[in-house]
Amino acid sequence: MARPSDPSAAVVIGTAMGGCGMVWGPSGVEAFALPAGDRAGTLDRLLEVCPAAVEVAEADLPADAARVVEAVRALLATGTGDLGWVPVVLPAEDGLVHRALTHIRTIPAGRTETYGEVAAAIGQPGAAQAVGRAMGANPVPVIVPCHRVVGADGRLVGFSADGGLDTKRRLLEVEGAAVVAQRTLF
């Protein structure tokens, strides 16, 4: 594993969903990006979160990071697997954001919770909108599976990754989660 003085490593990896990106640092995954158009777009997303990261080839990742890459690939291809063991760097504060993201890591593949259920689970009933804002600040989507959080009526809402709700739906479908049909304007 990298020493604290080493720069974090940014890598774009091929997955069943396209080119995803990950930043690996001394304490684990610092950022993750779903496909953002092309390789350069995905790398740009990573560097927005971790501007000091240095791009590396996948072959140059440490063994711990390579294990994470393979687990992510398996989840995105088959919808199975648990990424709860993956070390991640979450916002340092011990506030709502940290508690919400930590709780969301416990939602298993194929299951969903509502924003309100997450808020109640972290001791903040009535803070569903704050949970939504916390998820918008999630630096490691998929590993902290914010796509598994849905609106009060089970509908898909609020996903800031490229592809928006279509990407959220695709992730949930790969995992075998029941997806409520979206309302249309007419």
N, C-alpha and C. Protein backbone atom coordinates (compact mmCIF):
# COMPACT_ATOMS: atom_id res chain seq x y z
N MET A 1 0.85 -1.19 0.00
CA MET A 1 0.00 0.00 0.00
C MET A 1 0.88 1.23 0.00
N ALA A 2 0.35 2.29 -0.57
CA ALA A 2 1.11 3.53 -0.66
C ALA A 2 1.41 4.10 0.72
N ARG A 3 2.54 4.77 0.82
CA ARG A 3 2.88 5.47 2.05
C ARG A 3 2.13 6.80 2.08
N PRO A 4 1.86 7.38 3.26
CA PRO A 4 1.10 8.64 3.32
C PRO A 4 1.67 9.75 2.45
N SER A 5 2.98 9.76 2.20
CA SER A 5 3.56 10.82 1.39
C SER A 5 3.40 10.56 -0.11
N ASP A 6 3.02 9.34 -0.48
CA ASP A 6 2.84 9.01 -1.89
C ASP A 6 1.56 9.64 -2.42
N PRO A 7 1.57 10.03 -3.71
CA PRO A 7 0.33 10.57 -4.28
C PRO A 7 -0.70 9.46 -4.45
N SER A 8 -1.93 9.84 -4.46
CA SER A 8 -2.99 8.89 -4.70
C SER A 8 -2.97 8.51 -6.18
N ALA A 9 -3.36 7.26 -6.46
CA ALA A 9 -3.33 6.73 -7.82
C ALA A 9 -4.72 6.77 -8.43
N ALA A 10 -4.84 7.38 -9.61
CA ALA A 10 -6.10 7.42 -10.34
C ALA A 10 -6.01 6.45 -11.51
N VAL A 11 -7.05 5.64 -11.67
CA VAL A 11 -7.06 4.65 -12.74
C VAL A 11 -8.45 4.56 -13.35
N VAL A 12 -8.51 4.38 -14.65
CA VAL A 12 -9.77 4.12 -15.33
C VAL A 12 -9.76 2.64 -15.70
N ILE A 13 -10.84 1.95 -15.33
CA ILE A 13 -10.91 0.50 -15.52
C ILE A 13 -12.11 0.13 -16.39
N GLY A 14 -11.95 -0.90 -17.18
CA GLY A 14 -13.06 -1.40 -17.97
C GLY A 14 -13.99 -2.23 -17.10
N THR A 15 -15.30 -1.99 -17.23
CA THR A 15 -16.30 -2.77 -16.51
C THR A 15 -17.46 -3.06 -17.46
N ALA A 16 -18.40 -3.86 -17.01
CA ALA A 16 -19.58 -4.17 -17.81
C ALA A 16 -20.40 -2.92 -18.11
N MET A 17 -20.24 -1.87 -17.32
CA MET A 17 -20.98 -0.62 -17.53
C MET A 17 -20.19 0.40 -18.33
N GLY A 18 -18.94 0.08 -18.63
CA GLY A 18 -18.08 1.02 -19.34
C GLY A 18 -16.87 1.37 -18.48
N GLY A 19 -16.17 2.43 -18.88
CA GLY A 19 -14.96 2.83 -18.17
C GLY A 19 -15.26 3.57 -16.89
N CYS A 20 -15.05 2.91 -15.77
CA CYS A 20 -15.22 3.53 -14.45
C CYS A 20 -13.85 3.97 -13.95
N GLY A 21 -13.84 4.86 -13.00
CA GLY A 21 -12.57 5.34 -12.47
C GLY A 21 -12.51 5.22 -10.97
N MET A 22 -11.28 5.08 -10.46
CA MET A 22 -11.08 4.96 -9.02
C MET A 22 -9.80 5.68 -8.64
N VAL A 23 -9.84 6.33 -7.50
CA VAL A 23 -8.62 6.89 -6.90
C VAL A 23 -8.34 6.09 -5.64
N TRP A 24 -7.13 5.55 -5.57
CA TRP A 24 -6.68 4.75 -4.44
C TRP A 24 -5.59 5.51 -3.72
N GLY A 25 -5.76 5.70 -2.42
CA GLY A 25 -4.76 6.40 -1.63
C GLY A 25 -4.33 5.56 -0.44
N PRO A 26 -3.56 6.12 0.44
CA PRO A 26 -3.01 5.38 1.57
C PRO A 26 -4.06 4.78 2.50
N SER A 27 -5.27 5.37 2.54
CA SER A 27 -6.31 4.87 3.43
C SER A 27 -7.41 4.12 2.70
N GLY A 28 -7.27 3.93 1.39
CA GLY A 28 -8.28 3.20 0.63
C GLY A 28 -8.81 4.03 -0.53
N VAL A 29 -10.04 3.72 -0.94
CA VAL A 29 -10.64 4.39 -2.09
C VAL A 29 -11.05 5.80 -1.68
N GLU A 30 -10.53 6.78 -2.39
CA GLU A 30 -10.83 8.19 -2.12
C GLU A 30 -11.91 8.73 -3.04
N ALA A 31 -12.04 8.14 -4.23
CA ALA A 31 -13.06 8.58 -5.19
C ALA A 31 -13.35 7.43 -6.14
N PHE A 32 -14.58 7.43 -6.64
CA PHE A 32 -14.99 6.46 -7.65
C PHE A 32 -15.90 7.20 -8.62
N ALA A 33 -15.77 6.89 -9.90
CA ALA A 33 -16.59 7.55 -10.92
C ALA A 33 -17.18 6.50 -11.85
N LEU A 34 -18.46 6.62 -12.07
CA LEU A 34 -19.12 5.82 -13.09
C LEU A 34 -18.74 6.41 -14.44
N PRO A 35 -18.97 5.69 -15.54
CA PRO A 35 -18.56 6.21 -16.85
C PRO A 35 -19.08 7.62 -17.11
N ALA A 36 -18.18 8.47 -17.55
CA ALA A 36 -18.52 9.87 -17.84
C ALA A 36 -18.19 10.16 -19.30
N GLY A 37 -18.89 9.48 -20.18
CA GLY A 37 -18.65 9.66 -21.61
C GLY A 37 -17.50 8.80 -22.07
N ASP A 38 -16.31 9.38 -22.07
CA ASP A 38 -15.13 8.63 -22.50
C ASP A 38 -14.11 8.57 -21.36
N ARG A 39 -12.97 7.95 -21.66
CA ARG A 39 -11.92 7.77 -20.65
C ARG A 39 -11.51 9.11 -20.04
N ALA A 40 -11.30 10.12 -20.89
CA ALA A 40 -10.88 11.43 -20.41
C ALA A 40 -11.93 12.05 -19.50
N GLY A 41 -13.20 11.90 -19.84
CA GLY A 41 -14.28 12.43 -19.01
C GLY A 41 -14.32 11.77 -17.64
N THR A 42 -14.11 10.46 -17.63
CA THR A 42 -14.10 9.72 -16.36
C THR A 42 -12.92 10.17 -15.51
N LEU A 43 -11.76 10.30 -16.12
CA LEU A 43 -10.57 10.75 -15.39
C LEU A 43 -10.79 12.17 -14.86
N ASP A 44 -11.40 13.04 -15.65
CA ASP A 44 -11.70 14.40 -15.19
C ASP A 44 -12.59 14.38 -13.96
N ARG A 45 -13.60 13.49 -13.93
CA ARG A 45 -14.48 13.38 -12.76
C ARG A 45 -13.67 13.04 -11.52
N LEU A 46 -12.75 12.09 -11.66
CA LEU A 46 -11.92 11.70 -10.52
C LEU A 46 -11.08 12.86 -10.02
N LEU A 47 -10.49 13.58 -10.95
CA LEU A 47 -9.59 14.67 -10.58
C LEU A 47 -10.33 15.87 -10.01
N GLU A 48 -11.64 15.98 -10.26
CA GLU A 48 -12.44 17.02 -9.59
C GLU A 48 -12.48 16.76 -8.09
N VAL A 49 -12.55 15.48 -7.72
CA VAL A 49 -12.63 15.09 -6.31
C VAL A 49 -11.24 15.02 -5.68
N CYS A 50 -10.28 14.52 -6.43
CA CYS A 50 -8.91 14.33 -5.92
C CYS A 50 -7.91 14.95 -6.89
N PRO A 51 -7.78 16.28 -6.88
CA PRO A 51 -6.94 16.95 -7.88
C PRO A 51 -5.46 16.58 -7.83
N ALA A 52 -4.97 16.07 -6.71
CA ALA A 52 -3.54 15.73 -6.61
C ALA A 52 -3.25 14.29 -7.06
N ALA A 53 -4.29 13.55 -7.40
CA ALA A 53 -4.08 12.15 -7.81
C ALA A 53 -3.29 12.10 -9.11
N VAL A 54 -2.52 11.04 -9.25
CA VAL A 54 -1.68 10.83 -10.42
C VAL A 54 -2.21 9.61 -11.17
N GLU A 55 -2.43 9.76 -12.48
CA GLU A 55 -2.94 8.65 -13.27
C GLU A 55 -1.89 7.54 -13.37
N VAL A 56 -2.34 6.30 -13.17
CA VAL A 56 -1.47 5.13 -13.29
C VAL A 56 -2.16 4.09 -14.16
N ALA A 57 -1.38 3.16 -14.64
CA ALA A 57 -1.94 2.01 -15.35
C ALA A 57 -2.49 1.03 -14.33
N GLU A 58 -3.54 0.31 -14.71
CA GLU A 58 -4.13 -0.65 -13.78
C GLU A 58 -3.10 -1.65 -13.27
N ALA A 59 -2.17 -2.05 -14.11
CA ALA A 59 -1.14 -3.01 -13.71
C ALA A 59 -0.23 -2.47 -12.61
N ASP A 60 -0.20 -1.16 -12.44
CA ASP A 60 0.66 -0.54 -11.43
C ASP A 60 -0.02 -0.32 -10.09
N LEU A 61 -1.29 -0.73 -9.97
CA LEU A 61 -1.99 -0.59 -8.69
C LEU A 61 -1.44 -1.57 -7.67
N PRO A 62 -1.45 -1.20 -6.40
CA PRO A 62 -1.07 -2.17 -5.37
C PRO A 62 -2.09 -3.31 -5.32
N ALA A 63 -1.68 -4.43 -4.76
CA ALA A 63 -2.54 -5.62 -4.72
C ALA A 63 -3.89 -5.35 -4.06
N ASP A 64 -3.92 -4.56 -2.99
CA ASP A 64 -5.19 -4.26 -2.31
C ASP A 64 -6.15 -3.52 -3.24
N ALA A 65 -5.62 -2.58 -4.01
CA ALA A 65 -6.45 -1.82 -4.95
C ALA A 65 -6.91 -2.72 -6.09
N ALA A 66 -6.05 -3.60 -6.57
CA ALA A 66 -6.43 -4.52 -7.65
C ALA A 66 -7.57 -5.44 -7.20
N ARG A 67 -7.56 -5.83 -5.94
CA ARG A 67 -8.64 -6.66 -5.39
C ARG A 67 -9.97 -5.89 -5.41
N VAL A 68 -9.93 -4.62 -5.09
CA VAL A 68 -11.13 -3.77 -5.13
C VAL A 68 -11.63 -3.68 -6.57
N VAL A 69 -10.73 -3.45 -7.51
CA VAL A 69 -11.11 -3.35 -8.92
C VAL A 69 -11.86 -4.61 -9.36
N GLU A 70 -11.34 -5.77 -9.01
CA GLU A 70 -11.99 -7.03 -9.41
C GLU A 70 -13.36 -7.19 -8.75
N ALA A 71 -13.49 -6.78 -7.50
CA ALA A 71 -14.78 -6.86 -6.80
C ALA A 71 -15.80 -5.92 -7.43
N VAL A 72 -15.38 -4.73 -7.81
CA VAL A 72 -16.28 -3.78 -8.47
C VAL A 72 -16.70 -4.33 -9.83
N ARG A 73 -15.75 -4.87 -10.57
CA ARG A 73 -16.09 -5.47 -11.87
C ARG A 73 -17.13 -6.57 -11.71
N ALA A 74 -16.96 -7.42 -10.72
CA ALA A 74 -17.90 -8.51 -10.50
C ALA A 74 -19.29 -7.98 -10.16
N LEU A 75 -19.36 -6.98 -9.28
CA LEU A 75 -20.66 -6.40 -8.91
C LEU A 75 -21.34 -5.79 -10.12
N LEU A 76 -20.61 -5.04 -10.93
CA LEU A 76 -21.22 -4.37 -12.07
C LEU A 76 -21.60 -5.35 -13.19
N ALA A 77 -20.96 -6.50 -13.23
CA ALA A 77 -21.28 -7.50 -14.25
C ALA A 77 -22.42 -8.42 -13.84
N THR A 78 -22.43 -8.81 -12.56
CA THR A 78 -23.38 -9.84 -12.11
C THR A 78 -24.39 -9.34 -11.09
N GLY A 79 -24.12 -8.19 -10.49
CA GLY A 79 -25.01 -7.68 -9.46
C GLY A 79 -24.82 -8.35 -8.12
N THR A 80 -23.82 -9.19 -8.03
CA THR A 80 -23.58 -9.89 -6.76
C THR A 80 -22.24 -9.46 -6.19
N GLY A 81 -22.16 -9.57 -4.92
CA GLY A 81 -20.93 -9.22 -4.23
C GLY A 81 -21.18 -8.14 -3.19
N ASP A 82 -20.33 -8.11 -2.23
CA ASP A 82 -20.44 -7.15 -1.14
C ASP A 82 -19.18 -6.31 -1.15
N LEU A 83 -19.34 -5.02 -1.20
CA LEU A 83 -18.18 -4.12 -1.18
C LEU A 83 -18.01 -3.47 0.19
N GLY A 84 -18.72 -3.97 1.19
CA GLY A 84 -18.63 -3.40 2.53
C GLY A 84 -17.25 -3.51 3.15
N TRP A 85 -16.44 -4.41 2.68
CA TRP A 85 -15.08 -4.62 3.20
C TRP A 85 -14.08 -3.62 2.62
N VAL A 86 -14.46 -2.95 1.55
CA VAL A 86 -13.54 -2.05 0.85
C VAL A 86 -13.25 -0.83 1.72
N PRO A 87 -11.98 -0.54 1.98
CA PRO A 87 -11.67 0.67 2.76
C PRO A 87 -11.95 1.91 1.92
N VAL A 88 -12.71 2.84 2.48
CA VAL A 88 -13.05 4.07 1.79
C VAL A 88 -12.73 5.27 2.66
N VAL A 89 -12.50 6.38 2.02
CA VAL A 89 -12.27 7.64 2.72
C VAL A 89 -13.57 8.44 2.61
N LEU A 90 -14.25 8.57 3.73
CA LEU A 90 -15.50 9.32 3.78
C LEU A 90 -15.24 10.69 4.39
N PRO A 91 -16.16 11.63 4.21
CA PRO A 91 -15.99 12.94 4.84
C PRO A 91 -15.65 12.77 6.32
N ALA A 92 -14.68 13.51 6.79
CA ALA A 92 -14.12 13.34 8.12
C ALA A 92 -15.08 13.69 9.25
N GLU A 93 -15.98 14.60 8.98
CA GLU A 93 -16.86 15.03 10.07
C GLU A 93 -17.74 13.87 10.55
N ASP A 94 -18.11 13.94 11.79
CA ASP A 94 -18.97 12.89 12.36
C ASP A 94 -20.41 13.36 12.33
N GLY A 95 -20.79 14.01 11.24
CA GLY A 95 -22.13 14.54 11.10
C GLY A 95 -23.03 13.65 10.28
N LEU A 96 -24.11 14.23 9.83
CA LEU A 96 -25.12 13.51 9.08
C LEU A 96 -24.54 12.88 7.81
N VAL A 97 -23.70 13.59 7.09
CA VAL A 97 -23.14 13.06 5.84
C VAL A 97 -22.41 11.76 6.12
N HIS A 98 -21.52 11.79 7.09
CA HIS A 98 -20.74 10.60 7.42
C HIS A 98 -21.65 9.45 7.86
N ARG A 99 -22.61 9.75 8.73
CA ARG A 99 -23.51 8.70 9.23
C ARG A 99 -24.37 8.13 8.10
N ALA A 100 -24.87 9.00 7.22
CA ALA A 100 -25.71 8.52 6.11
C ALA A 100 -24.90 7.63 5.17
N LEU A 101 -23.72 8.08 4.78
CA LEU A 101 -22.91 7.28 3.86
C LEU A 101 -22.48 5.96 4.51
N THR A 102 -22.18 5.99 5.78
CA THR A 102 -21.81 4.76 6.49
C THR A 102 -22.99 3.79 6.51
N HIS A 103 -24.19 4.29 6.79
CA HIS A 103 -25.37 3.42 6.79
C HIS A 103 -25.66 2.85 5.41
N ILE A 104 -25.54 3.67 4.39
CA ILE A 104 -25.85 3.23 3.03
C ILE A 104 -24.95 2.06 2.62
N ARG A 105 -23.75 2.00 3.16
CA ARG A 105 -22.86 0.87 2.87
C ARG A 105 -23.44 -0.46 3.34
N THR A 106 -24.39 -0.42 4.26
CA THR A 106 -24.96 -1.67 4.79
C THR A 106 -26.14 -2.18 3.97
N ILE A 107 -26.63 -1.41 3.01
CA ILE A 107 -27.76 -1.85 2.19
C ILE A 107 -27.23 -2.88 1.19
N PRO A 108 -27.72 -4.12 1.25
CA PRO A 108 -27.18 -5.15 0.36
C PRO A 108 -27.63 -4.99 -1.09
N ALA A 109 -26.84 -5.56 -1.98
CA ALA A 109 -27.19 -5.57 -3.40
C ALA A 109 -28.56 -6.22 -3.56
N GLY A 110 -29.37 -5.65 -4.44
CA GLY A 110 -30.71 -6.18 -4.69
C GLY A 110 -31.78 -5.61 -3.77
N ARG A 111 -31.39 -4.79 -2.81
CA ARG A 111 -32.34 -4.17 -1.88
C ARG A 111 -32.27 -2.66 -2.01
N THR A 112 -33.33 -2.01 -1.59
CA THR A 112 -33.35 -0.55 -1.57
C THR A 112 -33.91 -0.08 -0.24
N GLU A 113 -33.62 1.17 0.09
CA GLU A 113 -34.22 1.86 1.22
C GLU A 113 -34.62 3.24 0.72
N THR A 114 -35.59 3.83 1.37
CA THR A 114 -35.98 5.19 1.01
C THR A 114 -35.10 6.19 1.75
N TYR A 115 -35.10 7.42 1.26
CA TYR A 115 -34.35 8.48 1.94
C TYR A 115 -34.81 8.60 3.39
N GLY A 116 -36.13 8.49 3.61
CA GLY A 116 -36.67 8.58 4.96
C GLY A 116 -36.22 7.43 5.84
N GLU A 117 -36.13 6.23 5.27
CA GLU A 117 -35.65 5.08 6.06
C GLU A 117 -34.19 5.26 6.46
N VAL A 118 -33.39 5.80 5.56
CA VAL A 118 -31.99 6.07 5.88
C VAL A 118 -31.92 7.11 6.99
N ALA A 119 -32.71 8.18 6.86
CA ALA A 119 -32.71 9.24 7.88
C ALA A 119 -33.09 8.67 9.24
N ALA A 120 -34.12 7.84 9.29
CA ALA A 120 -34.54 7.23 10.56
C ALA A 120 -33.45 6.32 11.11
N ALA A 121 -32.80 5.56 10.23
CA ALA A 121 -31.77 4.61 10.66
C ALA A 121 -30.57 5.30 11.29
N ILE A 122 -30.31 6.55 10.89
CA ILE A 122 -29.17 7.27 11.46
C ILE A 122 -29.59 8.21 12.59
N GLY A 123 -30.83 8.05 13.04
CA GLY A 123 -31.31 8.86 14.17
C GLY A 123 -31.73 10.26 13.80
N GLN A 124 -32.06 10.49 12.54
CA GLN A 124 -32.47 11.82 12.08
C GLN A 124 -33.80 11.74 11.33
N PRO A 125 -34.87 11.20 11.97
CA PRO A 125 -36.14 11.11 11.25
C PRO A 125 -36.56 12.50 10.77
N GLY A 126 -37.09 12.54 9.59
CA GLY A 126 -37.48 13.82 9.01
C GLY A 126 -36.37 14.51 8.23
N ALA A 127 -35.21 13.90 8.15
CA ALA A 127 -34.08 14.52 7.46
C ALA A 127 -33.83 13.88 6.09
N ALA A 128 -34.90 13.45 5.43
CA ALA A 128 -34.75 12.78 4.14
C ALA A 128 -34.04 13.67 3.11
N GLN A 129 -34.37 14.96 3.08
CA GLN A 129 -33.72 15.86 2.12
C GLN A 129 -32.24 16.02 2.43
N ALA A 130 -31.89 16.07 3.70
CA ALA A 130 -30.47 16.16 4.08
C ALA A 130 -29.73 14.89 3.67
N VAL A 131 -30.40 13.75 3.77
CA VAL A 131 -29.79 12.49 3.31
C VAL A 131 -29.54 12.58 1.81
N GLY A 132 -30.49 13.12 1.07
CA GLY A 132 -30.31 13.29 -0.37
C GLY A 132 -29.12 14.18 -0.69
N ARG A 133 -28.96 15.25 0.06
CA ARG A 133 -27.79 16.12 -0.16
C ARG A 133 -26.49 15.39 0.19
N ALA A 134 -26.53 14.58 1.23
CA ALA A 134 -25.34 13.80 1.61
C ALA A 134 -24.95 12.85 0.49
N MET A 135 -25.95 12.24 -0.13
CA MET A 135 -25.64 11.31 -1.20
C MET A 135 -25.10 12.04 -2.41
N GLY A 136 -25.54 13.26 -2.64
CA GLY A 136 -24.99 14.06 -3.72
C GLY A 136 -23.52 14.37 -3.52
N ALA A 137 -23.06 14.31 -2.27
CA ALA A 137 -21.66 14.55 -1.93
C ALA A 137 -20.85 13.26 -1.84
N ASN A 138 -21.46 12.13 -2.15
CA ASN A 138 -20.80 10.83 -2.05
C ASN A 138 -19.63 10.75 -3.03
N PRO A 139 -18.39 10.66 -2.54
CA PRO A 139 -17.25 10.60 -3.45
C PRO A 139 -16.99 9.20 -4.02
N VAL A 140 -17.71 8.20 -3.50
CA VAL A 140 -17.43 6.82 -3.91
C VAL A 140 -18.71 6.05 -4.24
N PRO A 141 -19.48 6.53 -5.24
CA PRO A 141 -20.69 5.79 -5.61
C PRO A 141 -20.33 4.37 -6.01
N VAL A 142 -21.28 3.49 -5.91
CA VAL A 142 -21.17 2.05 -6.11
C VAL A 142 -20.56 1.40 -4.87
N ILE A 143 -19.41 1.89 -4.40
CA ILE A 143 -18.81 1.33 -3.20
C ILE A 143 -19.62 1.77 -1.98
N VAL A 144 -20.03 3.02 -1.94
CA VAL A 144 -21.08 3.48 -1.03
C VAL A 144 -22.30 3.58 -1.95
N PRO A 145 -23.15 2.54 -1.94
CA PRO A 145 -24.16 2.36 -2.98
C PRO A 145 -25.38 3.27 -2.87
N CYS A 146 -25.16 4.56 -3.13
CA CYS A 146 -26.25 5.52 -3.04
C CYS A 146 -27.34 5.25 -4.07
N HIS A 147 -27.04 4.47 -5.09
CA HIS A 147 -28.07 4.11 -6.07
C HIS A 147 -29.16 3.25 -5.44
N ARG A 148 -28.90 2.68 -4.29
CA ARG A 148 -29.88 1.81 -3.61
C ARG A 148 -30.87 2.60 -2.75
N VAL A 149 -30.79 3.91 -2.79
CA VAL A 149 -31.72 4.74 -2.03
C VAL A 149 -32.70 5.37 -3.02
N VAL A 150 -34.00 5.21 -2.70
CA VAL A 150 -35.07 5.61 -3.61
C VAL A 150 -36.04 6.56 -2.90
N GLY A 151 -36.93 7.13 -3.68
CA GLY A 151 -37.94 8.03 -3.13
C GLY A 151 -38.93 7.30 -2.24
N ALA A 152 -39.73 8.07 -1.52
CA ALA A 152 -40.68 7.52 -0.55
C ALA A 152 -41.66 6.54 -1.18
N ASP A 153 -41.98 6.74 -2.45
CA ASP A 153 -42.92 5.85 -3.13
C ASP A 153 -42.20 4.74 -3.90
N GLY A 154 -40.90 4.60 -3.68
CA GLY A 154 -40.12 3.57 -4.34
C GLY A 154 -39.61 3.96 -5.71
N ARG A 155 -39.93 5.16 -6.15
CA ARG A 155 -39.48 5.60 -7.47
C ARG A 155 -38.03 6.09 -7.42
N LEU A 156 -37.40 6.04 -8.58
CA LEU A 156 -36.02 6.48 -8.68
C LEU A 156 -35.97 8.00 -8.73
N VAL A 157 -35.19 8.58 -7.85
CA VAL A 157 -34.99 10.02 -7.80
C VAL A 157 -33.54 10.30 -7.45
N GLY A 158 -33.07 11.46 -7.82
CA GLY A 158 -31.80 11.99 -7.33
C GLY A 158 -30.56 11.15 -7.53
N PHE A 159 -30.03 11.12 -8.75
CA PHE A 159 -28.76 10.43 -8.98
C PHE A 159 -27.89 11.33 -9.83
N SER A 160 -26.76 11.77 -9.28
CA SER A 160 -25.95 12.80 -9.95
C SER A 160 -24.86 12.25 -10.86
N ALA A 161 -24.68 10.94 -10.92
CA ALA A 161 -23.67 10.38 -11.82
C ALA A 161 -24.08 10.59 -13.27
N ASP A 162 -23.11 10.55 -14.17
CA ASP A 162 -23.44 10.65 -15.59
C ASP A 162 -24.47 9.58 -15.93
N GLY A 163 -25.42 9.97 -16.75
CA GLY A 163 -26.51 9.07 -17.12
C GLY A 163 -27.69 9.18 -16.18
N GLY A 164 -27.52 9.87 -15.06
CA GLY A 164 -28.61 10.14 -14.12
C GLY A 164 -29.42 8.91 -13.75
N LEU A 165 -30.73 9.07 -13.82
CA LEU A 165 -31.63 7.99 -13.38
C LEU A 165 -31.52 6.74 -14.24
N ASP A 166 -31.14 6.88 -15.51
CA ASP A 166 -30.94 5.68 -16.33
C ASP A 166 -29.80 4.84 -15.78
N THR A 167 -28.74 5.48 -15.33
CA THR A 167 -27.61 4.76 -14.73
C THR A 167 -28.04 4.12 -13.42
N LYS A 168 -28.80 4.85 -12.60
CA LYS A 168 -29.29 4.31 -11.34
C LYS A 168 -30.16 3.07 -11.60
N ARG A 169 -31.06 3.18 -12.56
CA ARG A 169 -31.93 2.05 -12.90
C ARG A 169 -31.10 0.85 -13.36
N ARG A 170 -30.12 1.11 -14.20
CA ARG A 170 -29.28 0.02 -14.71
C ARG A 170 -28.53 -0.68 -13.58
N LEU A 171 -27.99 0.09 -12.64
CA LEU A 171 -27.30 -0.50 -11.49
C LEU A 171 -28.25 -1.38 -10.68
N LEU A 172 -29.44 -0.87 -10.40
CA LEU A 172 -30.41 -1.64 -9.62
C LEU A 172 -30.88 -2.88 -10.37
N GLU A 173 -31.08 -2.76 -11.66
CA GLU A 173 -31.51 -3.93 -12.44
C GLU A 173 -30.44 -5.01 -12.47
N VAL A 174 -29.17 -4.62 -12.62
CA VAL A 174 -28.08 -5.60 -12.58
C VAL A 174 -28.08 -6.33 -11.24
N GLU A 175 -28.40 -5.61 -10.16
CA GLU A 175 -28.42 -6.21 -8.82
C GLU A 175 -29.70 -6.99 -8.54
N GLY A 176 -30.68 -6.91 -9.45
CA GLY A 176 -31.92 -7.65 -9.25
C GLY A 176 -32.91 -6.96 -8.33
N ALA A 177 -32.75 -5.67 -8.10
CA ALA A 177 -33.68 -4.93 -7.24
C ALA A 177 -34.95 -4.60 -8.02
N ALA A 178 -36.06 -4.60 -7.32
CA ALA A 178 -37.32 -4.20 -7.94
C ALA A 178 -37.26 -2.70 -8.19
N VAL A 179 -37.58 -2.30 -9.41
CA VAL A 179 -37.55 -0.89 -9.79
C VAL A 179 -38.96 -0.47 -10.13
N VAL A 180 -39.45 0.58 -9.46
CA VAL A 180 -40.78 1.11 -9.71
C VAL A 180 -40.73 1.93 -10.98
N ALA A 181 -41.72 1.72 -11.84
CA ALA A 181 -41.78 2.46 -13.10
C ALA A 181 -41.87 3.96 -12.82
N GLN A 182 -41.20 4.73 -13.62
CA GLN A 182 -41.24 6.18 -13.46
C GLN A 182 -42.53 6.75 -14.04
N ARG A 183 -42.98 7.80 -13.43
CA ARG A 183 -44.14 8.52 -13.97
C ARG A 183 -43.71 9.26 -15.23
N THR A 184 -44.65 9.43 -16.12
CA THR A 184 -44.39 10.24 -17.30
C THR A 184 -45.20 11.51 -17.21
N LEU A 185 -44.93 12.46 -18.06
CA LEU A 185 -45.66 13.73 -18.02
C LEU A 185 -47.10 13.57 -18.49
N PHE A 186 -47.36 12.57 -19.31
CA PHE A 186 -48.71 12.41 -19.85
C PHE A 186 -49.27 11.03 -19.55
